[in-house]
Amino acid sequence: MLIVAIAWIYVVGLMALTEPSIIAGIVTFLFYCALPLGTLLYIAGTGKRKARRRAEELAAHEARKAAAEDGD
């Protein structure tokens, strides 16, 4: 996925460089690259974030359980 993102940045960067004005190049880069790619990478990382959150919650639960057992 990372190689596709890098390639897309390269392609859109070249598109932005060929625009007739700097403003048009910036707008092209933002609307064809930065916003869509950011959204795509955010959506693609959702499963990893959920798994990490679940693992942290499980570890916290296990730590509370172990602390309660040691306190008895």
PDB file of N, CA and C in Angstrom:
ATOM      1  N   MET A   1       0.820  -1.184   0.000  1.00  0.00           N
ATOM      2  CA  MET A   1       0.000   0.000   0.000  1.00  0.00           C
ATOM      3  C   MET A   1       0.875   1.262   0.000  1.00  0.00           C
ATOM      4  N   LEU A   2       1.984   1.198   0.691  1.00  0.00           N
ATOM      5  CA  LEU A   2       2.862   2.358   0.771  1.00  0.00           C
ATOM      6  C   LEU A   2       3.467   2.699  -0.588  1.00  0.00           C
ATOM      7  N   ILE A   3       3.844   1.689  -1.360  1.00  0.00           N
ATOM      8  CA  ILE A   3       4.434   1.943  -2.668  1.00  0.00           C
ATOM      9  C   ILE A   3       3.418   2.588  -3.603  1.00  0.00           C
ATOM     10  N   VAL A   4       2.154   2.213  -3.473  1.00  0.00           N
ATOM     11  CA  VAL A   4       1.098   2.820  -4.288  1.00  0.00           C
ATOM     12  C   VAL A   4       0.921   4.282  -3.893  1.00  0.00           C
ATOM     13  N   ALA A   5       0.964   4.559  -2.604  1.00  0.00           N
ATOM     14  CA  ALA A   5       0.829   5.939  -2.136  1.00  0.00           C
ATOM     15  C   ALA A   5       1.995   6.798  -2.634  1.00  0.00           C
ATOM     16  N   ILE A   6       3.197   6.270  -2.564  1.00  0.00           N
ATOM     17  CA  ILE A   6       4.367   7.016  -3.044  1.00  0.00           C
ATOM     18  C   ILE A   6       4.269   7.271  -4.541  1.00  0.00           C
ATOM     19  N   ALA A   7       3.845   6.271  -5.289  1.00  0.00           N
ATOM     20  CA  ALA A   7       3.696   6.431  -6.733  1.00  0.00           C
ATOM     21  C   ALA A   7       2.623   7.479  -7.048  1.00  0.00           C
ATOM     22  N   TRP A   8       1.533   7.466  -6.292  1.00  0.00           N
ATOM     23  CA  TRP A   8       0.471   8.441  -6.532  1.00  0.00           C
ATOM     24  C   TRP A   8       0.957   9.855  -6.234  1.00  0.00           C
ATOM     25  N   ILE A   9       1.709  10.025  -5.160  1.00  0.00           N
ATOM     26  CA  ILE A   9       2.277  11.340  -4.840  1.00  0.00           C
ATOM     27  C   ILE A   9       3.180  11.815  -5.977  1.00  0.00           C
ATOM     28  N   TYR A  10       3.972  10.913  -6.522  1.00  0.00           N
ATOM     29  CA  TYR A  10       4.869  11.254  -7.625  1.00  0.00           C
ATOM     30  C   TYR A  10       4.087  11.699  -8.856  1.00  0.00           C
ATOM     31  N   VAL A  11       3.061  10.942  -9.213  1.00  0.00           N
ATOM     32  CA  VAL A  11       2.272  11.248 -10.410  1.00  0.00           C
ATOM     33  C   VAL A  11       1.548  12.585 -10.248  1.00  0.00           C
ATOM     34  N   VAL A  12       0.913  12.777  -9.126  1.00  0.00           N
ATOM     35  CA  VAL A  12       0.180  14.023  -8.913  1.00  0.00           C
ATOM     36  C   VAL A  12       1.144  15.191  -8.757  1.00  0.00           C
ATOM     37  N   GLY A  13       2.314  14.956  -8.182  1.00  0.00           N
ATOM     38  CA  GLY A  13       3.317  16.012  -8.104  1.00  0.00           C
ATOM     39  C   GLY A  13       3.743  16.482  -9.479  1.00  0.00           C
ATOM     40  N   LEU A  14       3.928  15.547 -10.398  1.00  0.00           N
ATOM     41  CA  LEU A  14       4.261  15.928 -11.769  1.00  0.00           C
ATOM     42  C   LEU A  14       3.102  16.650 -12.445  1.00  0.00           C
ATOM     43  N   MET A  15       1.875  16.229 -12.162  1.00  0.00           N
ATOM     44  CA  MET A  15       0.709  16.936 -12.697  1.00  0.00           C
ATOM     45  C   MET A  15       0.673  18.367 -12.181  1.00  0.00           C
ATOM     46  N   ALA A  16       0.965  18.532 -10.909  1.00  0.00           N
ATOM     47  CA  ALA A  16       0.926  19.867 -10.310  1.00  0.00           C
ATOM     48  C   ALA A  16       2.009  20.758 -10.901  1.00  0.00           C
ATOM     49  N   LEU A  17       3.160  20.168 -11.208  1.00  0.00           N
ATOM     50  CA  LEU A  17       4.244  20.958 -11.792  1.00  0.00           C
ATOM     51  C   LEU A  17       3.917  21.472 -13.190  1.00  0.00           C
ATOM     52  N   THR A  18       3.052  20.777 -13.900  1.00  0.00           N
ATOM     53  CA  THR A  18       2.712  21.188 -15.262  1.00  0.00           C
ATOM     54  C   THR A  18       1.564  22.196 -15.320  1.00  0.00           C
ATOM     55  N   GLU A  19       0.987  22.528 -14.175  1.00  0.00           N
ATOM     56  CA  GLU A  19      -0.104  23.511 -14.156  1.00  0.00           C
ATOM     57  C   GLU A  19       0.440  24.886 -14.531  1.00  0.00           C
ATOM     58  N   PRO A  20      -0.391  25.731 -15.149  1.00  0.00           N
ATOM     59  CA  PRO A  20       0.083  27.037 -15.620  1.00  0.00           C
ATOM     60  C   PRO A  20       0.410  28.046 -14.507  1.00  0.00           C
ATOM     61  N   SER A  21      -0.167  27.877 -13.308  1.00  0.00           N
ATOM     62  CA  SER A  21       0.137  28.814 -12.219  1.00  0.00           C
ATOM     63  C   SER A  21       0.429  28.031 -10.936  1.00  0.00           C
ATOM     64  N   ILE A  22       1.057  28.713 -10.008  1.00  0.00           N
ATOM     65  CA  ILE A  22       1.397  28.079  -8.726  1.00  0.00           C
ATOM     66  C   ILE A  22       0.133  27.717  -7.953  1.00  0.00           C
ATOM     67  N   ILE A  23      -0.837  28.599  -7.965  1.00  0.00           N
ATOM     68  CA  ILE A  23      -2.094  28.342  -7.252  1.00  0.00           C
ATOM     69  C   ILE A  23      -2.783  27.102  -7.822  1.00  0.00           C
ATOM     70  N   ALA A  24      -2.833  26.993  -9.142  1.00  0.00           N
ATOM     71  CA  ALA A  24      -3.448  25.821  -9.771  1.00  0.00           C
ATOM     72  C   ALA A  24      -2.680  24.550  -9.396  1.00  0.00           C
ATOM     73  N   GLY A  25      -1.362  24.638  -9.316  1.00  0.00           N
ATOM     74  CA  GLY A  25      -0.562  23.486  -8.920  1.00  0.00           C
ATOM     75  C   GLY A  25      -0.833  23.062  -7.494  1.00  0.00           C
ATOM     76  N   ILE A  26      -0.961  24.033  -6.609  1.00  0.00           N
ATOM     77  CA  ILE A  26      -1.250  23.728  -5.201  1.00  0.00           C
ATOM     78  C   ILE A  26      -2.632  23.106  -5.064  1.00  0.00           C
ATOM     79  N   VAL A  27      -3.607  23.679  -5.752  1.00  0.00           N
ATOM     80  CA  VAL A  27      -4.973  23.141  -5.695  1.00  0.00           C
ATOM     81  C   VAL A  27      -5.013  21.727  -6.276  1.00  0.00           C
ATOM     82  N   THR A  28      -4.320  21.516  -7.379  1.00  0.00           N
ATOM     83  CA  THR A  28      -4.253  20.176  -7.976  1.00  0.00           C
ATOM     84  C   THR A  28      -3.662  19.185  -6.984  1.00  0.00           C
ATOM     85  N   PHE A  29      -2.567  19.555  -6.353  1.00  0.00           N
ATOM     86  CA  PHE A  29      -1.925  18.646  -5.410  1.00  0.00           C
ATOM     87  C   PHE A  29      -2.828  18.365  -4.210  1.00  0.00           C
ATOM     88  N   LEU A  30      -3.492  19.392  -3.698  1.00  0.00           N
ATOM     89  CA  LEU A  30      -4.359  19.189  -2.538  1.00  0.00           C
ATOM     90  C   LEU A  30      -5.552  18.302  -2.863  1.00  0.00           C
ATOM     91  N   PHE A  31      -6.247  18.628  -3.968  1.00  0.00           N
ATOM     92  CA  PHE A  31      -7.498  17.924  -4.249  1.00  0.00           C
ATOM     93  C   PHE A  31      -7.330  16.593  -4.979  1.00  0.00           C
ATOM     94  N   TYR A  32      -6.199  16.374  -5.632  1.00  0.00           N
ATOM     95  CA  TYR A  32      -5.967  15.092  -6.287  1.00  0.00           C
ATOM     96  C   TYR A  32      -5.069  14.170  -5.475  1.00  0.00           C
ATOM     97  N   CYS A  33      -4.353  14.717  -4.510  1.00  0.00           N
ATOM     98  CA  CYS A  33      -3.378  13.890  -3.798  1.00  0.00           C
ATOM     99  C   CYS A  33      -3.592  13.912  -2.288  1.00  0.00           C
ATOM    100  N   ALA A  34      -3.397  15.063  -1.673  1.00  0.00           N
ATOM    101  CA  ALA A  34      -3.357  15.130  -0.222  1.00  0.00           C
ATOM    102  C   ALA A  34      -4.673  14.681   0.437  1.00  0.00           C
ATOM    103  N   LEU A  35      -5.770  15.239   0.018  1.00  0.00           N
ATOM    104  CA  LEU A  35      -7.053  14.885   0.637  1.00  0.00           C
ATOM    105  C   LEU A  35      -7.488  13.447   0.336  1.00  0.00           C
ATOM    106  N   PRO A  36      -7.501  13.007  -0.924  1.00  0.00           N
ATOM    107  CA  PRO A  36      -7.917  11.623  -1.180  1.00  0.00           C
ATOM    108  C   PRO A  36      -6.967  10.590  -0.571  1.00  0.00           C
ATOM    109  N   LEU A  37      -5.675  10.863  -0.659  1.00  0.00           N
ATOM    110  CA  LEU A  37      -4.708   9.901  -0.120  1.00  0.00           C
ATOM    111  C   LEU A  37      -4.790   9.845   1.401  1.00  0.00           C
ATOM    112  N   GLY A  38      -4.969  10.986   2.037  1.00  0.00           N
ATOM    113  CA  GLY A  38      -5.138  11.006   3.487  1.00  0.00           C
ATOM    114  C   GLY A  38      -6.365  10.228   3.921  1.00  0.00           C
ATOM    115  N   THR A  39      -7.459  10.412   3.193  1.00  0.00           N
ATOM    116  CA  THR A  39      -8.689   9.677   3.495  1.00  0.00           C
ATOM    117  C   THR A  39      -8.502   8.181   3.289  1.00  0.00           C
ATOM    118  N   LEU A  40      -7.872   7.807   2.200  1.00  0.00           N
ATOM    119  CA  LEU A  40      -7.644   6.393   1.913  1.00  0.00           C
ATOM    120  C   LEU A  40      -6.759   5.742   2.979  1.00  0.00           C
ATOM    121  N   LEU A  41      -5.689   6.402   3.356  1.00  0.00           N
ATOM    122  CA  LEU A  41      -4.791   5.839   4.365  1.00  0.00           C
ATOM    123  C   LEU A  41      -5.468   5.771   5.731  1.00  0.00           C
ATOM    124  N   TYR A  42      -6.317   6.739   6.037  1.00  0.00           N
ATOM    125  CA  TYR A  42      -7.054   6.700   7.301  1.00  0.00           C
ATOM    126  C   TYR A  42      -8.006   5.506   7.331  1.00  0.00           C
ATOM    127  N   ILE A  43      -8.747   5.307   6.240  1.00  0.00           N
ATOM    128  CA  ILE A  43      -9.686   4.185   6.174  1.00  0.00           C
ATOM    129  C   ILE A  43      -8.932   2.855   6.201  1.00  0.00           C
ATOM    130  N   ALA A  44      -7.811   2.778   5.511  1.00  0.00           N
ATOM    131  CA  ALA A  44      -7.041   1.542   5.469  1.00  0.00           C
ATOM    132  C   ALA A  44      -6.457   1.184   6.832  1.00  0.00           C
ATOM    133  N   GLY A  45      -6.192   2.163   7.672  1.00  0.00           N
ATOM    134  CA  GLY A  45      -5.607   1.904   8.978  1.00  0.00           C
ATOM    135  C   GLY A  45      -6.615   1.663  10.082  1.00  0.00           C
ATOM    136  N   THR A  46      -7.900   1.682   9.762  1.00  0.00           N
ATOM    137  CA  THR A  46      -8.940   1.533  10.782  1.00  0.00           C
ATOM    138  C   THR A  46      -8.844   0.196  11.498  1.00  0.00           C
ATOM    139  N   GLY A  47      -8.620  -0.879  10.774  1.00  0.00           N
ATOM    140  CA  GLY A  47      -8.526  -2.203  11.397  1.00  0.00           C
ATOM    141  C   GLY A  47      -7.363  -2.301  12.361  1.00  0.00           C
ATOM    142  N   LYS A  48      -6.243  -1.719  11.998  1.00  0.00           N
ATOM    143  CA  LYS A  48      -5.074  -1.745  12.885  1.00  0.00           C
ATOM    144  C   LYS A  48      -5.330  -0.946  14.151  1.00  0.00           C
ATOM    145  N   ARG A  49      -5.998   0.202  14.016  1.00  0.00           N
ATOM    146  CA  ARG A  49      -6.304   1.006  15.197  1.00  0.00           C
ATOM    147  C   ARG A  49      -7.252   0.267  16.128  1.00  0.00           C
ATOM    148  N   LYS A  50      -8.263  -0.406  15.566  1.00  0.00           N
ATOM    149  CA  LYS A  50      -9.199  -1.168  16.394  1.00  0.00           C
ATOM    150  C   LYS A  50      -8.496  -2.310  17.108  1.00  0.00           C
ATOM    151  N   ALA A  51      -7.617  -3.015  16.404  1.00  0.00           N
ATOM    152  CA  ALA A  51      -6.896  -4.130  17.007  1.00  0.00           C
ATOM    153  C   ALA A  51      -5.976  -3.640  18.122  1.00  0.00           C
ATOM    154  N   ARG A  52      -5.302  -2.515  17.891  1.00  0.00           N
ATOM    155  CA  ARG A  52      -4.421  -1.960  18.918  1.00  0.00           C
ATOM    156  C   ARG A  52      -5.228  -1.550  20.155  1.00  0.00           C
ATOM    157  N   ARG A  53      -6.385  -0.923  19.941  1.00  0.00           N
ATOM    158  CA  ARG A  53      -7.233  -0.506  21.056  1.00  0.00           C
ATOM    159  C   ARG A  53      -7.724  -1.721  21.847  1.00  0.00           C
ATOM    160  N   ARG A  54      -8.134  -2.777  21.126  1.00  0.00           N
ATOM    161  CA  ARG A  54      -8.584  -3.997  21.801  1.00  0.00           C
ATOM    162  C   ARG A  54      -7.462  -4.621  22.619  1.00  0.00           C
ATOM    163  N   ALA A  55      -6.251  -4.652  22.065  1.00  0.00           N
ATOM    164  CA  ALA A  55      -5.117  -5.231  22.785  1.00  0.00           C
ATOM    165  C   ALA A  55      -4.799  -4.423  24.040  1.00  0.00           C
ATOM    166  N   GLU A  56      -4.871  -3.097  23.949  1.00  0.00           N
ATOM    167  CA  GLU A  56      -4.620  -2.265  25.122  1.00  0.00           C
ATOM    168  C   GLU A  56      -5.682  -2.476  26.195  1.00  0.00           C
ATOM    169  N   GLU A  57      -6.946  -2.580  25.770  1.00  0.00           N
ATOM    170  CA  GLU A  57      -8.021  -2.825  26.732  1.00  0.00           C
ATOM    171  C   GLU A  57      -7.860  -4.189  27.399  1.00  0.00           C
ATOM    172  N   LEU A  58      -7.476  -5.189  26.625  1.00  0.00           N
ATOM    173  CA  LEU A  58      -7.272  -6.523  27.182  1.00  0.00           C
ATOM    174  C   LEU A  58      -6.114  -6.523  28.177  1.00  0.00           C
ATOM    175  N   ALA A  59      -5.028  -5.834  27.821  1.00  0.00           N
ATOM    176  CA  ALA A  59      -3.881  -5.758  28.728  1.00  0.00           C
ATOM    177  C   ALA A  59      -4.248  -5.033  30.017  1.00  0.00           C
ATOM    178  N   ALA A  60      -5.036  -3.969  29.924  1.00  0.00           N
ATOM    179  CA  ALA A  60      -5.463  -3.245  31.117  1.00  0.00           C
ATOM    180  C   ALA A  60      -6.370  -4.110  31.974  1.00  0.00           C
ATOM    181  N   HIS A  61      -7.261  -4.864  31.332  1.00  0.00           N
ATOM    182  CA  HIS A  61      -8.159  -5.762  32.066  1.00  0.00           C
ATOM    183  C   HIS A  61      -7.357  -6.849  32.781  1.00  0.00           C
ATOM    184  N   GLU A  62      -6.384  -7.420  32.088  1.00  0.00           N
ATOM    185  CA  GLU A  62      -5.541  -8.458  32.704  1.00  0.00           C
ATOM    186  C   GLU A  62      -4.739  -7.886  33.873  1.00  0.00           C
ATOM    187  N   ALA A  63      -4.267  -6.656  33.737  1.00  0.00           N
ATOM    188  CA  ALA A  63      -3.504  -6.034  34.821  1.00  0.00           C
ATOM    189  C   ALA A  63      -4.392  -5.791  36.033  1.00  0.00           C
ATOM    190  N   ARG A  64      -5.629  -5.341  35.799  1.00  0.00           N
ATOM    191  CA  ARG A  64      -6.558  -5.136  36.938  1.00  0.00           C
ATOM    192  C   ARG A  64      -6.894  -6.461  37.590  1.00  0.00           C
ATOM    193  N   LYS A  65      -7.079  -7.493  36.768  1.00  0.00           N
ATOM    194  CA  LYS A  65      -7.397  -8.813  37.296  1.00  0.00           C
ATOM    195  C   LYS A  65      -6.245  -9.347  38.140  1.00  0.00           C
ATOM    196  N   ALA A  66      -5.011  -9.194  37.654  1.00  0.00           N
ATOM    197  CA  ALA A  66      -3.837  -9.656  38.403  1.00  0.00           C
ATOM    198  C   ALA A  66      -3.657  -8.859  39.685  1.00  0.00           C
ATOM    199  N   ALA A  67      -3.937  -7.554  39.647  1.00  0.00           N
ATOM    200  CA  ALA A  67      -3.814  -6.734  40.850  1.00  0.00           C
ATOM    201  C   ALA A  67      -4.864  -7.123  41.881  1.00  0.00           C
ATOM    202  N   ALA A  68      -6.063  -7.460  41.420  1.00  0.00           N
ATOM    203  CA  ALA A  68      -7.122  -7.873  42.343  1.00  0.00           C
ATOM    204  C   ALA A  68      -6.782  -9.220  42.977  1.00  0.00           C
ATOM    205  N   GLU A  69      -6.193 -10.119  42.229  1.00  0.00           N
ATOM    206  CA  GLU A  69      -5.817 -11.431  42.763  1.00  0.00           C
ATOM    207  C   GLU A  69      -4.684 -11.306  43.768  1.00  0.00           C
ATOM    208  N   ASP A  70      -3.750 -10.382  43.510  1.00  0.00           N
ATOM    209  CA  ASP A  70      -2.627 -10.180  44.432  1.00  0.00           C
ATOM    210  C   ASP A  70      -3.085  -9.519  45.721  1.00  0.00           C
ATOM    211  N   GLY A  71      -4.136  -8.751  45.651  1.00  0.00           N
ATOM    212  CA  GLY A  71      -4.662  -8.040  46.820  1.00  0.00           C
ATOM    213  C   GLY A  71      -5.424  -8.951  47.760  1.00  0.00           C
ATOM    214  N   ASP A  72      -5.872 -10.086  47.273  1.00  0.00           N
ATOM    215  CA  ASP A  72      -6.671 -10.997  48.115  1.00  0.00           C
ATOM    216  C   ASP A  72      -5.830 -11.704  49.126  1.00  0.00           C
TER     217      ASP A  72
END
